[in-house]
Protein backbone atom coordinates (compact mmCIF):
# COMPACT_ATOMS: atom_id res chain seq x y z
CA ARG A 1 -12.00 -7.37 2.28
CA ARG A 2 -10.92 -4.84 -0.32
CA ILE A 3 -7.25 -3.95 -0.87
CA LEU A 4 -5.94 -1.09 -3.00
CA LEU A 5 -2.55 -1.92 -4.56
CA VAL A 6 -0.71 1.21 -5.74
CA ASP A 7 2.43 0.41 -7.75
CA ASP A 8 3.79 1.33 -11.17
CA GLU A 9 5.51 -2.03 -11.90
CA GLU A 10 3.01 -3.97 -14.02
CA ASN A 11 4.50 -7.44 -13.43
CA PHE A 12 4.61 -6.88 -9.67
CA VAL A 13 0.99 -5.68 -9.66
CA THR A 14 -0.20 -8.69 -11.69
CA THR A 15 1.62 -11.23 -9.52
CA THR A 16 0.65 -9.65 -6.20
CA LYS A 17 -2.98 -9.14 -7.26
CA LEU A 18 -3.29 -12.82 -8.25
CA GLY A 19 -1.78 -13.95 -4.95
CA LEU A 20 -4.11 -11.76 -2.90
CA GLU A 21 -7.19 -12.75 -4.90
CA HIS A 22 -6.25 -16.40 -4.40
CA GLU A 23 -6.47 -15.70 -0.65
CA GLY A 24 -9.97 -14.24 -1.03
CA PHE A 25 -9.24 -10.52 -1.15
CA GLU A 26 -10.82 -8.13 -3.64
CA VAL A 27 -7.97 -6.13 -5.21
CA ILE A 28 -8.21 -2.72 -6.85
CA THR A 29 -5.10 -1.31 -8.53
CA ALA A 30 -3.63 2.08 -9.31
CA SER A 31 -0.43 2.75 -11.24
CA ASP A 32 0.65 6.05 -9.66
CA GLY A 33 0.14 8.14 -6.54
CA VAL A 34 -2.47 10.49 -8.01
CA GLU A 35 -4.60 7.57 -9.21
CA GLY A 36 -4.08 5.92 -5.81
CA LEU A 37 -5.55 8.93 -3.99
CA LYS A 38 -8.49 9.06 -6.40
CA LYS A 39 -9.27 5.35 -6.01
CA THR A 40 -8.94 5.56 -2.23
CA ASN A 41 -11.60 8.24 -2.11
CA GLU A 42 -13.87 6.44 -4.61
CA GLU A 43 -13.49 2.84 -3.42
CA LYS A 44 -12.80 3.22 0.33
CA PRO A 45 -10.51 0.16 0.58
CA ASP A 46 -9.98 -1.70 3.85
CA LEU A 47 -6.19 -1.56 3.40
CA ILE A 48 -3.67 0.02 1.02
CA LEU A 49 -0.45 -1.48 -0.31
CA LEU A 50 1.63 1.50 -1.40
CA ASP A 51 4.87 1.64 -3.39
CA VAL A 52 7.32 4.46 -2.63
CA MET A 53 8.89 5.26 -6.00
CA MET A 54 6.11 6.12 -8.48
CA PRO A 55 5.40 8.73 -11.13
CA LYS A 56 3.36 11.88 -10.43
CA MET A 57 3.37 11.49 -6.64
CA ASN A 58 5.54 9.24 -4.47
CA GLY A 59 4.29 6.92 -1.74
CA TYR A 60 5.44 9.20 1.08
CA GLN A 61 3.36 12.07 -0.33
CA VAL A 62 0.33 9.83 -0.84
CA CYS A 63 0.58 8.43 2.68
CA ARG A 64 0.96 11.87 4.23
CA GLU A 65 -2.15 13.08 2.41
CA LEU A 66 -4.24 10.02 3.31
CA LYS A 67 -3.21 10.03 6.98
CA GLY A 68 -3.91 13.79 7.14
CA SER A 69 -7.52 13.41 6.02
CA ASP A 70 -10.34 12.54 8.43
CA ASP A 71 -11.96 10.45 5.67
CA THR A 72 -8.95 8.18 5.07
CA LYS A 73 -6.68 8.36 8.13
CA GLY A 74 -8.07 5.10 9.55
CA ILE A 75 -7.20 3.01 6.49
CA PRO A 76 -4.11 0.89 7.25
CA ILE A 77 -1.20 1.40 4.84
CA ILE A 78 1.63 -1.04 4.17
CA MET A 79 4.51 0.63 2.35
CA LEU A 80 6.06 -1.67 -0.28
CA THR A 81 9.48 -0.70 -1.54
CA ALA A 82 12.82 -1.88 -2.81
CA LYS A 83 14.39 0.82 -0.63
CA SER A 84 15.71 -0.81 2.52
CA GLN A 85 17.85 1.88 4.12
CA GLU A 86 17.04 2.88 7.70
CA SER A 87 16.33 6.42 6.48
CA ASP A 88 13.67 5.05 4.11
CA LYS A 89 11.96 3.25 6.98
CA PHE A 90 12.23 6.39 9.10
CA TRP A 91 10.47 8.53 6.46
CA ALA A 92 7.81 5.89 5.97
CA GLU A 93 7.08 5.93 9.70
CA GLU A 94 7.10 9.74 9.72
CA THR A 95 4.32 9.78 7.11
CA GLY A 96 2.19 7.45 9.22
CA VAL A 97 2.47 4.04 7.54
CA ASP A 98 1.18 1.13 9.59
CA ASP A 99 3.74 -1.39 8.33
CA TYR A 100 6.63 -1.70 5.89
CA ALA A 101 7.68 -4.51 3.52
CA THR A 102 10.89 -4.54 1.49
CA LYS A 103 10.75 -5.99 -2.03
CA PRO A 104 11.23 -8.74 -2.85
CA PHE A 105 9.16 -10.38 -0.13
CA GLU A 106 7.36 -13.66 0.30
CA MET A 107 3.57 -13.58 -0.17
CA VAL A 108 3.23 -15.39 3.18
CA GLU A 109 5.00 -12.47 4.90
CA LEU A 110 2.75 -9.91 3.20
CA LEU A 111 -0.42 -11.86 4.03
CA GLU A 112 0.65 -12.01 7.68
CA LYS A 113 1.04 -8.21 7.78
CA ILE A 114 -2.30 -7.68 6.01
CA ARG A 115 -4.22 -10.01 8.32
CA LYS A 116 -2.65 -8.44 11.41
CA LEU A 117 -3.76 -4.95 10.33
CA LEU A 118 -7.25 -6.03 9.25
CA LYS A 119 -7.99 -7.66 12.62
CA ASN A 120 -8.26 -4.22 14.23
């Protein structure tokens, strides 16, 4: 299964990518929202891990665009963010995310969310 990881924090991307690859996933990365949209359309990932706070285009905007397109609306999206306020979760749900993980999180927790969404 192919996962697109969209996040602008290089250390987080490296660590998370290694953990996911260790579990057998193919991981594609993008460092901002615009690149994330481009790679989604080019690579057609099975699932997207999407940061909220990024340059060029934030995660809410990316999610809204992906969920509004017939070509990409079926791709599950897990929003990854350090923002843990209820209002942040509300806006994530409003844009159509399938799940939400607050940084820092345990890899086991993230893998559980990924596997749950990929079973569908």
